[in-house]
Amino acid sequence: MMKLIKRIEELRLNMIKIKEGRSYTDPEVIAASQELDLVLDQYQEMLMKQSEKFRLER
């Protein structure tokens, strides 16, 4: 999970860097945002699975 959190932070910082001087609709900004979204979705899915596993163990 820590690798995923680290990747999220890297992608977030990259998106901020790419965004400088560009609009939110710039193709590079959109691509960076979409890449971050994918990893955030993976993280959310992992959290949901852990929560479900914990709930079932109780």
Protein backbone atom coordinates (compact mmCIF):
# COMPACT_ATOMS: atom_id res chain seq x y z
CA MET A 1 0.00 0.00 0.00
CA MET A 2 2.89 2.38 0.71
CA LYS A 3 4.10 2.03 -2.89
CA LEU A 4 0.69 3.10 -4.10
CA ILE A 5 0.63 6.09 -1.75
CA LYS A 6 4.09 7.09 -2.94
CA ARG A 7 2.96 6.78 -6.58
CA ILE A 8 -0.08 8.96 -5.86
CA GLU A 9 2.13 11.65 -4.38
CA GLU A 10 4.52 11.50 -7.36
CA LEU A 11 1.66 11.81 -9.84
CA ARG A 12 0.07 14.62 -7.85
CA LEU A 13 3.30 16.62 -7.83
CA ASN A 14 3.79 15.91 -11.53
CA MET A 15 0.31 17.17 -12.32
CA ILE A 16 0.95 20.38 -10.37
CA LYS A 17 4.19 20.88 -12.28
CA ILE A 18 2.53 20.25 -15.65
CA LYS A 19 -0.38 22.58 -14.78
CA GLU A 20 1.88 25.62 -14.29
CA GLY A 21 1.01 28.14 -16.98
CA ARG A 22 -1.59 25.91 -18.64
CA SER A 23 -5.34 25.65 -18.52
CA TYR A 24 -7.14 22.71 -16.96
CA THR A 25 -8.27 21.72 -20.44
CA ASP A 26 -4.73 21.45 -21.81
CA PRO A 27 -4.24 17.89 -23.15
CA GLU A 28 -1.12 17.32 -21.03
CA VAL A 29 -2.90 18.44 -17.87
CA ILE A 30 -5.84 16.19 -18.68
CA ALA A 31 -3.54 13.22 -19.31
CA ALA A 32 -1.71 13.77 -16.01
CA SER A 33 -5.02 14.09 -14.19
CA GLN A 34 -6.36 10.90 -15.75
CA GLU A 35 -3.23 8.98 -14.79
CA LEU A 36 -3.59 10.19 -11.21
CA ASP A 37 -7.29 9.27 -11.24
CA LEU A 38 -6.47 5.69 -12.25
CA VAL A 39 -4.06 5.25 -9.37
CA LEU A 40 -6.48 6.90 -6.93
CA ASP A 41 -9.15 4.46 -8.11
CA GLN A 42 -6.79 1.54 -7.42
CA TYR A 43 -6.10 2.91 -3.95
CA GLN A 44 -9.82 3.35 -3.22
CA GLU A 45 -10.52 -0.18 -4.42
CA MET A 46 -7.80 -1.54 -2.15
CA LEU A 47 -9.25 0.32 0.83
CA MET A 48 -12.72 -1.00 0.09
CA LYS A 49 -11.43 -4.58 -0.12
CA GLN A 50 -9.60 -4.18 3.20
CA SER A 51 -12.72 -2.75 4.79
CA GLU A 52 -14.84 -5.61 3.47
CA LYS A 53 -12.29 -8.17 4.67
CA PHE A 54 -12.27 -6.57 8.12
CA ARG A 55 -16.07 -6.53 8.23
CA LEU A 56 -16.27 -10.22 7.29
CA GLU A 57 -13.72 -11.18 9.93
CA ARG A 58 -15.80 -9.67 12.72
